[in-house]
Amino acid sequence: MAISARPLYPYSAVLVASYGGPEKPEDVLPFMRNATAGRGVPDERLLEVSQPYMLFGGPAPINQLHAALMAAVRAELVRRGVEVPVVIGNRNWNPYFAETTRQLVAAQEQMFAIAITGGMFIALVWFDMPVATVMVLVLILGRMLAQFGKVQKEYQKVAVGESAWLALEKTIAQARMARDTQGGQLLPSLDEGIRLESVCLRRGAMPVLENLDLEIPACALVTLMGASGCGKTTILDLITGLVEPSAGRVLVDGVPLELSLIHI
């Protein structure tokens, strides 16, 4: 398959996205202005909060960390036989994302130009083709290369979407595997109320509820109050069937919850 032969296909470069950071002391204030652009922060405040940069002589430690990261990525790609540019784009300092992207696009355009020039040389010198024919072929090839660039970009979008789709499918499969089995077959009703009889619940060896008796009349407003961790949410989980009691029963209109369709 093409993907095994070219592990990064259809991508032609690796871009490290960074917040950016100053390289020398005189860069610190302009960098801070970029990072806080539009917020109206005065320079006096920016100089005050920029003091940690001065502890390192001006350069941001993140720059050295990213340089080491890029070197490690290049070395690993070379080890795997993958030769693509590894570049960085910053949000708040040189090189910016837009600048790095333009350089990558320009490099691709240069490769197209070299390919066209090489093709013209071969056609004119080696095959002795008429100039008019070569120019027509150049126009056709130029259009084809332009369309190829568009196709490559669209394919990259599809590849990104495919990874998200595969991750979603995996999550759905995991959710289906963890799905609770259906309980009883009786249609639930709530005319009388809900009753908990001698309900006990343990989390491992720790008791959460011990011999709880509680009656909640139908159509009544009942408030559960207590300190955090006393079991208020646990009681709701028991009533809705999300949790099964270790002992005792939960009854809805006198019917055990495990016999009702409400139990999932």
C-alpha atoms as a PDB file:
ATOM      1  CA  MET A   1       0.000   0.000   0.000  1.00  0.00           C
ATOM      2  CA  ALA A   2       1.099   3.600  -0.578  1.00  0.00           C
ATOM      3  CA  ILE A   3       0.751   4.403   3.117  1.00  0.00           C
ATOM      4  CA  SER A   4       3.261   1.728   4.130  1.00  0.00           C
ATOM      5  CA  ALA A   5       5.721   2.907   1.460  1.00  0.00           C
ATOM      6  CA  ARG A   6       5.284   6.550   2.490  1.00  0.00           C
ATOM      7  CA  PRO A   7       4.336   6.583   6.194  1.00  0.00           C
ATOM      8  CA  LEU A   8       3.399  10.290   6.271  1.00  0.00           C
ATOM      9  CA  TYR A   9       1.452  10.293   2.990  1.00  0.00           C
ATOM     10  CA  PRO A  10      -0.419  12.492   2.094  1.00  0.00           C
ATOM     11  CA  TYR A  11       1.478  14.898   4.351  1.00  0.00           C
ATOM     12  CA  SER A  12       4.672  16.453   3.036  1.00  0.00           C
ATOM     13  CA  ALA A  13       6.012  18.099   6.225  1.00  0.00           C
ATOM     14  CA  VAL A  14       5.822  18.068  10.010  1.00  0.00           C
ATOM     15  CA  LEU A  15       4.795  21.381  11.594  1.00  0.00           C
ATOM     16  CA  VAL A  16       5.463  21.933  15.300  1.00  0.00           C
ATOM     17  CA  ALA A  17       2.870  24.380  16.661  1.00  0.00           C
ATOM     18  CA  SER A  18       4.262  26.626  19.390  1.00  0.00           C
ATOM     19  CA  TYR A  19       3.213  29.581  21.511  1.00  0.00           C
ATOM     20  CA  GLY A  20       6.551  31.180  20.688  1.00  0.00           C
ATOM     21  CA  GLY A  21       9.047  32.996  22.820  1.00  0.00           C
ATOM     22  CA  PRO A  22      11.712  35.726  22.701  1.00  0.00           C
ATOM     23  CA  GLU A  23      15.239  34.891  21.598  1.00  0.00           C
ATOM     24  CA  LYS A  24      17.103  37.794  23.254  1.00  0.00           C
ATOM     25  CA  PRO A  25      16.410  40.504  25.865  1.00  0.00           C
ATOM     26  CA  GLU A  26      15.341  43.139  23.337  1.00  0.00           C
ATOM     27  CA  ASP A  27      12.696  40.700  22.017  1.00  0.00           C
ATOM     28  CA  VAL A  28      10.921  40.353  25.353  1.00  0.00           C
ATOM     29  CA  LEU A  29       8.757  43.489  25.294  1.00  0.00           C
ATOM     30  CA  PRO A  30       7.677  43.137  21.615  1.00  0.00           C
ATOM     31  CA  PHE A  31       6.876  39.481  22.291  1.00  0.00           C
ATOM     32  CA  MET A  32       4.756  40.384  25.320  1.00  0.00           C
ATOM     33  CA  ARG A  33       2.934  42.992  23.226  1.00  0.00           C
ATOM     34  CA  ASN A  34       2.103  40.296  20.667  1.00  0.00           C
ATOM     35  CA  ALA A  35       0.960  37.862  23.352  1.00  0.00           C
ATOM     36  CA  THR A  36      -1.402  40.447  24.915  1.00  0.00           C
ATOM     37  CA  ALA A  37      -2.497  42.197  21.725  1.00  0.00           C
ATOM     38  CA  GLY A  38      -5.963  43.714  21.960  1.00  0.00           C
ATOM     39  CA  ARG A  39      -6.103  43.641  25.764  1.00  0.00           C
ATOM     40  CA  GLY A  40      -4.761  47.103  26.426  1.00  0.00           C
ATOM     41  CA  VAL A  41      -2.042  46.018  28.850  1.00  0.00           C
ATOM     42  CA  PRO A  42       0.423  48.898  29.436  1.00  0.00           C
ATOM     43  CA  ASP A  43       4.130  48.380  28.809  1.00  0.00           C
ATOM     44  CA  GLU A  44       4.893  48.984  32.495  1.00  0.00           C
ATOM     45  CA  ARG A  45       2.854  45.939  33.436  1.00  0.00           C
ATOM     46  CA  LEU A  46       4.335  43.885  30.604  1.00  0.00           C
ATOM     47  CA  LEU A  47       7.858  44.691  31.769  1.00  0.00           C
ATOM     48  CA  GLU A  48       6.898  43.695  35.286  1.00  0.00           C
ATOM     49  CA  VAL A  49       5.558  40.279  34.328  1.00  0.00           C
ATOM     50  CA  SER A  50       8.423  39.719  31.865  1.00  0.00           C
ATOM     51  CA  GLN A  51      11.067  39.512  34.574  1.00  0.00           C
ATOM     52  CA  PRO A  52      11.192  35.663  34.529  1.00  0.00           C
ATOM     53  CA  TYR A  53      12.528  35.851  30.954  1.00  0.00           C
ATOM     54  CA  MET A  54      15.408  37.976  32.191  1.00  0.00           C
ATOM     55  CA  LEU A  55      16.387  35.213  34.593  1.00  0.00           C
ATOM     56  CA  PHE A  56      17.324  33.204  31.488  1.00  0.00           C
ATOM     57  CA  GLY A  57      19.037  36.143  29.802  1.00  0.00           C
ATOM     58  CA  GLY A  58      16.071  36.844  27.529  1.00  0.00           C
ATOM     59  CA  PRO A  59      15.555  33.582  25.567  1.00  0.00           C
ATOM     60  CA  ALA A  60      12.481  31.598  26.511  1.00  0.00           C
ATOM     61  CA  PRO A  61      13.223  28.030  27.678  1.00  0.00           C
ATOM     62  CA  ILE A  62      10.438  26.796  25.380  1.00  0.00           C
ATOM     63  CA  ASN A  63      12.618  27.629  22.379  1.00  0.00           C
ATOM     64  CA  GLN A  64      15.350  25.212  23.454  1.00  0.00           C
ATOM     65  CA  LEU A  65      12.771  22.561  24.304  1.00  0.00           C
ATOM     66  CA  HIS A  66      11.178  22.796  20.874  1.00  0.00           C
ATOM     67  CA  ALA A  67      14.564  22.747  19.160  1.00  0.00           C
ATOM     68  CA  ALA A  68      15.378  19.518  20.989  1.00  0.00           C
ATOM     69  CA  LEU A  69      11.949  18.114  20.110  1.00  0.00           C
ATOM     70  CA  MET A  70      12.377  18.902  16.421  1.00  0.00           C
ATOM     71  CA  ALA A  71      15.857  17.365  16.388  1.00  0.00           C
ATOM     72  CA  ALA A  72      14.494  14.194  17.981  1.00  0.00           C
ATOM     73  CA  VAL A  73      11.608  14.038  15.472  1.00  0.00           C
ATOM     74  CA  ARG A  74      14.004  14.497  12.545  1.00  0.00           C
ATOM     75  CA  ALA A  75      16.280  11.758  13.865  1.00  0.00           C
ATOM     76  CA  GLU A  76      13.364   9.355  14.322  1.00  0.00           C
ATOM     77  CA  LEU A  77      11.992  10.081  10.849  1.00  0.00           C
ATOM     78  CA  VAL A  78      15.418   9.487   9.308  1.00  0.00           C
ATOM     79  CA  ARG A  79      15.689   6.237  11.250  1.00  0.00           C
ATOM     80  CA  ARG A  80      12.400   5.161   9.687  1.00  0.00           C
ATOM     81  CA  GLY A  81      13.499   6.240   6.233  1.00  0.00           C
ATOM     82  CA  VAL A  82      11.175   9.246   6.049  1.00  0.00           C
ATOM     83  CA  GLU A  83      12.663  12.433   4.640  1.00  0.00           C
ATOM     84  CA  VAL A  84      10.333  15.401   5.112  1.00  0.00           C
ATOM     85  CA  PRO A  85      10.920  18.907   6.499  1.00  0.00           C
ATOM     86  CA  VAL A  86      10.351  19.417  10.228  1.00  0.00           C
ATOM     87  CA  VAL A  87       9.508  23.085  10.803  1.00  0.00           C
ATOM     88  CA  ILE A  88       8.023  25.248  13.536  1.00  0.00           C
ATOM     89  CA  GLY A  89       5.270  27.851  13.489  1.00  0.00           C
ATOM     90  CA  ASN A  90       4.669  30.222  16.400  1.00  0.00           C
ATOM     91  CA  ARG A  91       1.624  32.110  17.474  1.00  0.00           C
ATOM     92  CA  ASN A  92       3.336  35.114  19.026  1.00  0.00           C
ATOM     93  CA  TRP A  93       6.885  35.298  17.622  1.00  0.00           C
ATOM     94  CA  ASN A  94       9.000  34.510  14.586  1.00  0.00           C
ATOM     95  CA  PRO A  95       8.548  32.349  12.680  1.00  0.00           C
ATOM     96  CA  TYR A  96       4.774  32.798  12.688  1.00  0.00           C
ATOM     97  CA  PHE A  97       2.346  30.141  11.446  1.00  0.00           C
ATOM     98  CA  ALA A  98       1.509  32.100   8.308  1.00  0.00           C
ATOM     99  CA  GLU A  99       5.178  32.658   7.465  1.00  0.00           C
ATOM    100  CA  THR A 100       6.059  28.994   7.919  1.00  0.00           C
ATOM    101  CA  THR A 101       3.072  27.911   5.827  1.00  0.00           C
ATOM    102  CA  ARG A 102       4.037  30.280   3.014  1.00  0.00           C
ATOM    103  CA  GLN A 103       7.571  28.882   3.024  1.00  0.00           C
ATOM    104  CA  LEU A 104       6.263  25.328   2.762  1.00  0.00           C
ATOM    105  CA  VAL A 105       3.964  26.262  -0.116  1.00  0.00           C
ATOM    106  CA  ALA A 106       6.794  28.136  -1.848  1.00  0.00           C
ATOM    107  CA  ALA A 107       9.053  25.096  -1.520  1.00  0.00           C
ATOM    108  CA  GLN A 108       6.385  22.939  -3.141  1.00  0.00           C
ATOM    109  CA  GLU A 109       5.993  25.450  -5.960  1.00  0.00           C
ATOM    110  CA  GLN A 110       9.781  25.412  -6.487  1.00  0.00           C
ATOM    111  CA  MET A 111       9.681  21.637  -6.829  1.00  0.00           C
ATOM    112  CA  PHE A 112       6.925  21.957  -9.434  1.00  0.00           C
ATOM    113  CA  ALA A 113       9.005  24.542 -11.325  1.00  0.00           C
ATOM    114  CA  ILE A 114      12.071  22.285 -11.245  1.00  0.00           C
ATOM    115  CA  ALA A 115      10.007  19.376 -12.529  1.00  0.00           C
ATOM    116  CA  ILE A 116       8.599  21.455 -15.404  1.00  0.00           C
ATOM    117  CA  THR A 117      12.024  22.881 -16.310  1.00  0.00           C
ATOM    118  CA  GLY A 118      13.579  19.421 -16.246  1.00  0.00           C
ATOM    119  CA  GLY A 119      10.804  18.080 -18.419  1.00  0.00           C
ATOM    120  CA  MET A 120      11.306  20.881 -20.949  1.00  0.00           C
ATOM    121  CA  PHE A 121      15.043  20.219 -21.106  1.00  0.00           C
ATOM    122  CA  ILE A 122      14.548  16.495 -21.673  1.00  0.00           C
ATOM    123  CA  ALA A 123      11.877  17.090 -24.338  1.00  0.00           C
ATOM    124  CA  LEU A 124      13.927  19.680 -26.240  1.00  0.00           C
ATOM    125  CA  VAL A 125      17.420  18.176 -25.941  1.00  0.00           C
ATOM    126  CA  TRP A 126      16.969  14.441 -25.681  1.00  0.00           C
ATOM    127  CA  PHE A 127      13.818  13.926 -27.723  1.00  0.00           C
ATOM    128  CA  ASP A 128      14.275  16.927 -30.035  1.00  0.00           C
ATOM    129  CA  MET A 129      10.591  17.836 -29.808  1.00  0.00           C
ATOM    130  CA  PRO A 130       9.276  21.041 -31.444  1.00  0.00           C
ATOM    131  CA  VAL A 131       9.134  24.060 -29.118  1.00  0.00           C
ATOM    132  CA  ALA A 132       5.401  24.548 -29.789  1.00  0.00           C
ATOM    133  CA  THR A 133       4.674  20.972 -28.748  1.00  0.00           C
ATOM    134  CA  VAL A 134       6.797  21.338 -25.622  1.00  0.00           C
ATOM    135  CA  MET A 135       4.982  24.549 -24.631  1.00  0.00           C
ATOM    136  CA  VAL A 136       1.614  22.830 -25.005  1.00  0.00           C
ATOM    137  CA  LEU A 137       2.834  19.955 -22.860  1.00  0.00           C
ATOM    138  CA  VAL A 138       4.151  22.437 -20.281  1.00  0.00           C
ATOM    139  CA  LEU A 139       0.746  24.125 -20.068  1.00  0.00           C
ATOM    140  CA  ILE A 140      -0.967  20.768 -19.657  1.00  0.00           C
ATOM    141  CA  LEU A 141       1.559  19.628 -17.061  1.00  0.00           C
ATOM    142  CA  GLY A 142       1.239  22.920 -15.156  1.00  0.00           C
ATOM    143  CA  ARG A 143      -2.522  22.530 -14.959  1.00  0.00           C
ATOM    144  CA  MET A 144      -2.162  18.923 -13.877  1.00  0.00           C
ATOM    145  CA  LEU A 145       0.302  19.844 -11.121  1.00  0.00           C
ATOM    146  CA  ALA A 146      -1.998  22.632  -9.904  1.00  0.00           C
ATOM    147  CA  GLN A 147      -4.908  20.202  -9.735  1.00  0.00           C
ATOM    148  CA  PHE A 148      -2.680  17.660  -8.008  1.00  0.00           C
ATOM    149  CA  GLY A 149      -1.912  20.220  -5.286  1.00  0.00           C
ATOM    150  CA  LYS A 150      -5.646  20.784  -4.732  1.00  0.00           C
ATOM    151  CA  VAL A 151      -6.311  17.048  -4.653  1.00  0.00           C
ATOM    152  CA  GLN A 152      -3.512  16.571  -2.132  1.00  0.00           C
ATOM    153  CA  LYS A 153      -4.980  19.240   0.177  1.00  0.00           C
ATOM    154  CA  GLU A 154      -8.439  17.675  -0.010  1.00  0.00           C
ATOM    155  CA  TYR A 155      -6.970  14.247   0.652  1.00  0.00           C
ATOM    156  CA  GLN A 156      -5.240  15.636   3.726  1.00  0.00           C
ATOM    157  CA  LYS A 157      -8.611  16.871   4.998  1.00  0.00           C
ATOM    158  CA  VAL A 158     -10.086  13.422   4.388  1.00  0.00           C
ATOM    159  CA  ALA A 159      -7.163  11.805   6.265  1.00  0.00           C
ATOM    160  CA  VAL A 160      -7.729  14.086   9.256  1.00  0.00           C
ATOM    161  CA  GLY A 161     -11.454  13.344   9.214  1.00  0.00           C
ATOM    162  CA  GLU A 162     -10.769   9.622   8.896  1.00  0.00           C
ATOM    163  CA  SER A 163      -8.703   9.573  12.088  1.00  0.00           C
ATOM    164  CA  ALA A 164     -11.518  11.329  13.954  1.00  0.00           C
ATOM    165  CA  TRP A 165     -14.041   8.881  12.488  1.00  0.00           C
ATOM    166  CA  LEU A 166     -11.967   5.863  13.535  1.00  0.00           C
ATOM    167  CA  ALA A 167     -11.617   7.286  17.053  1.00  0.00           C
ATOM    168  CA  LEU A 168     -15.389   7.812  17.198  1.00  0.00           C
ATOM    169  CA  GLU A 169     -16.049   4.257  16.010  1.00  0.00           C
ATOM    170  CA  LYS A 170     -13.712   2.939  18.718  1.00  0.00           C
ATOM    171  CA  THR A 171     -15.514   4.973  21.385  1.00  0.00           C
ATOM    172  CA  ILE A 172     -18.920   3.721  20.180  1.00  0.00           C
ATOM    173  CA  ALA A 173     -17.674   0.120  20.258  1.00  0.00           C
ATOM    174  CA  GLN A 174     -16.371   0.565  23.803  1.00  0.00           C
ATOM    175  CA  ALA A 175     -19.682   2.084  24.887  1.00  0.00           C
ATOM    176  CA  ARG A 176     -21.612  -0.829  23.382  1.00  0.00           C
ATOM    177  CA  MET A 177     -19.385  -3.327  25.164  1.00  0.00           C
ATOM    178  CA  ALA A 178     -20.003  -1.543  28.478  1.00  0.00           C
ATOM    179  CA  ARG A 179     -23.764  -1.313  27.923  1.00  0.00           C
ATOM    180  CA  ASP A 180     -25.905  -2.689  30.722  1.00  0.00           C
ATOM    181  CA  THR A 181     -28.256  -5.554  29.903  1.00  0.00           C
ATOM    182  CA  GLN A 182     -32.004  -5.017  29.925  1.00  0.00           C
ATOM    183  CA  GLY A 183     -33.692  -6.009  33.185  1.00  0.00           C
ATOM    184  CA  GLY A 184     -37.362  -6.814  33.732  1.00  0.00           C
ATOM    185  CA  GLN A 185     -40.327  -6.794  31.407  1.00  0.00           C
ATOM    186  CA  LEU A 186     -43.004  -4.976  33.407  1.00  0.00           C
ATOM    187  CA  LEU A 187     -44.045  -1.534  32.284  1.00  0.00           C
ATOM    188  CA  PRO A 188     -43.248   0.955  35.050  1.00  0.00           C
ATOM    189  CA  SER A 189     -45.881   3.085  36.734  1.00  0.00           C
ATOM    190  CA  LEU A 190     -45.683   5.718  39.429  1.00  0.00           C
ATOM    191  CA  ASP A 191     -49.082   6.038  41.102  1.00  0.00           C
ATOM    192  CA  GLU A 192     -48.164   5.286  44.722  1.00  0.00           C
ATOM    193  CA  GLY A 193     -44.494   6.061  45.114  1.00  0.00           C
ATOM    194  CA  ILE A 194     -40.972   4.710  45.495  1.00  0.00           C
ATOM    195  CA  ARG A 195     -39.853   2.777  48.563  1.00  0.00           C
ATOM    196  CA  LEU A 196     -36.409   1.646  49.678  1.00  0.00           C
ATOM    197  CA  GLU A 197     -36.505  -1.262  52.122  1.00  0.00           C
ATOM    198  CA  SER A 198     -33.443  -2.112  54.243  1.00  0.00           C
ATOM    199  CA  VAL A 199     -31.151  -1.021  51.436  1.00  0.00           C
ATOM    200  CA  CYS A 200     -27.436  -1.573  51.897  1.00  0.00           C
ATOM    201  CA  LEU A 201     -24.717  -0.574  49.468  1.00  0.00           C
ATOM    202  CA  ARG A 202     -21.001  -1.176  49.646  1.00  0.00           C
ATOM    203  CA  ARG A 203     -18.119   0.084  47.550  1.00  0.00           C
ATOM    204  CA  GLY A 204     -15.654  -2.727  47.990  1.00  0.00           C
ATOM    205  CA  ALA A 205     -15.263  -3.144  51.738  1.00  0.00           C
ATOM    206  CA  MET A 206     -16.546   0.351  52.498  1.00  0.00           C
ATOM    207  CA  PRO A 207     -20.239   0.707  53.455  1.00  0.00           C
ATOM    208  CA  VAL A 208     -22.025   3.570  51.739  1.00  0.00           C
ATOM    209  CA  LEU A 209     -25.575   2.915  52.905  1.00  0.00           C
ATOM    210  CA  GLU A 210     -26.668   0.663  55.797  1.00  0.00           C
ATOM    211  CA  ASN A 211     -30.283  -0.537  56.255  1.00  0.00           C
ATOM    212  CA  LEU A 212     -31.793   2.511  54.606  1.00  0.00           C
ATOM    213  CA  ASP A 213     -35.591   2.762  54.694  1.00  0.00           C
ATOM    214  CA  LEU A 214     -37.038   5.587  52.654  1.00  0.00           C
ATOM    215  CA  GLU A 215     -40.441   6.268  51.122  1.00  0.00           C
ATOM    216  CA  ILE A 216     -41.011   8.878  48.411  1.00  0.00           C
ATOM    217  CA  PRO A 217     -44.717   9.453  47.665  1.00  0.00           C
ATOM    218  CA  ALA A 218     -45.789   9.963  44.059  1.00  0.00           C
ATOM    219  CA  CYS A 219     -46.150  13.575  42.938  1.00  0.00           C
ATOM    220  CA  ALA A 220     -44.452  14.819  46.113  1.00  0.00           C
ATOM    221  CA  LEU A 221     -41.482  17.166  46.415  1.00  0.00           C
ATOM    222  CA  VAL A 222     -38.741  15.441  48.381  1.00  0.00           C
ATOM    223  CA  THR A 223     -35.429  17.091  49.220  1.00  0.00           C
ATOM    224  CA  LEU A 224     -32.379  15.076  50.194  1.00  0.00           C
ATOM    225  CA  MET A 225     -30.084  17.098  52.424  1.00  0.00           C
ATOM    226  CA  GLY A 226     -26.817  16.204  54.067  1.00  0.00           C
ATOM    227  CA  ALA A 227     -23.081  16.656  54.053  1.00  0.00           C
ATOM    228  CA  SER A 228     -21.022  15.898  50.985  1.00  0.00           C
ATOM    229  CA  GLY A 229     -20.445  12.155  50.654  1.00  0.00           C
ATOM    230  CA  CYS A 230     -23.392  11.084  52.802  1.00  0.00           C
ATOM    231  CA  GLY A 231     -25.085   9.262  49.894  1.00  0.00           C
ATOM    232  CA  LYS A 232     -27.545  11.696  48.303  1.00  0.00           C
ATOM    233  CA  THR A 233     -26.440  11.012  44.747  1.00  0.00           C
ATOM    234  CA  THR A 234     -26.139   7.305  45.523  1.00  0.00           C
ATOM    235  CA  ILE A 235     -29.810   7.201  46.501  1.00  0.00           C
ATOM    236  CA  LEU A 236     -30.761   8.745  43.159  1.00  0.00           C
ATOM    237  CA  ASP A 237     -28.579   6.173  41.391  1.00  0.00           C
ATOM    238  CA  LEU A 238     -30.398   3.389  43.238  1.00  0.00           C
ATOM    239  CA  ILE A 239     -33.825   4.793  42.357  1.00  0.00           C
ATOM    240  CA  THR A 240     -32.987   5.137  38.659  1.00  0.00           C
ATOM    241  CA  GLY A 241     -31.406   1.681  38.497  1.00  0.00           C
ATOM    242  CA  LEU A 242     -27.907   2.900  37.709  1.00  0.00           C
ATOM    243  CA  VAL A 243     -26.654   1.146  40.839  1.00  0.00           C
ATOM    244  CA  GLU A 244     -27.909  -2.110  42.350  1.00  0.00           C
ATOM    245  CA  PRO A 245     -28.086  -2.427  46.145  1.00  0.00           C
ATOM    246  CA  SER A 246     -25.858  -4.929  47.910  1.00  0.00           C
ATOM    247  CA  ALA A 247     -28.887  -5.890  50.013  1.00  0.00           C
ATOM    248  CA  GLY A 248     -32.491  -4.765  50.369  1.00  0.00           C
ATOM    249  CA  ARG A 249     -34.999  -3.759  47.729  1.00  0.00           C
ATOM    250  CA  VAL A 250     -36.047  -0.750  45.694  1.00  0.00           C
ATOM    251  CA  LEU A 251     -39.783  -0.808  44.933  1.00  0.00           C
ATOM    252  CA  VAL A 252     -41.752   1.323  42.472  1.00  0.00           C
ATOM    253  CA  ASP A 253     -45.480   1.080  43.187  1.00  0.00           C
ATOM    254  CA  GLY A 254     -44.697  -2.107  45.129  1.00  0.00           C
ATOM    255  CA  VAL A 255     -42.872  -3.706  42.160  1.00  0.00           C
ATOM    256  CA  PRO A 256     -39.173  -4.545  42.615  1.00  0.00           C
ATOM    257  CA  LEU A 257     -37.107  -2.316  40.387  1.00  0.00           C
ATOM    258  CA  GLU A 258     -35.258  -5.260  38.832  1.00  0.00           C
ATOM    259  CA  LEU A 259     -38.569  -6.559  37.406  1.00  0.00           C
ATOM    260  CA  SER A 260     -39.370  -3.249  35.705  1.00  0.00           C
ATOM    261  CA  LEU A 261     -38.343  -2.008  32.285  1.00  0.00           C
ATOM    262  CA  ILE A 262     -36.922   1.053  34.035  1.00  0.00           C
ATOM    263  CA  HIS A 263     -34.046  -1.158  35.165  1.00  0.00           C
ATOM    264  CA  ILE A 264     -31.343  -1.081  32.471  1.00  0.00           C
END
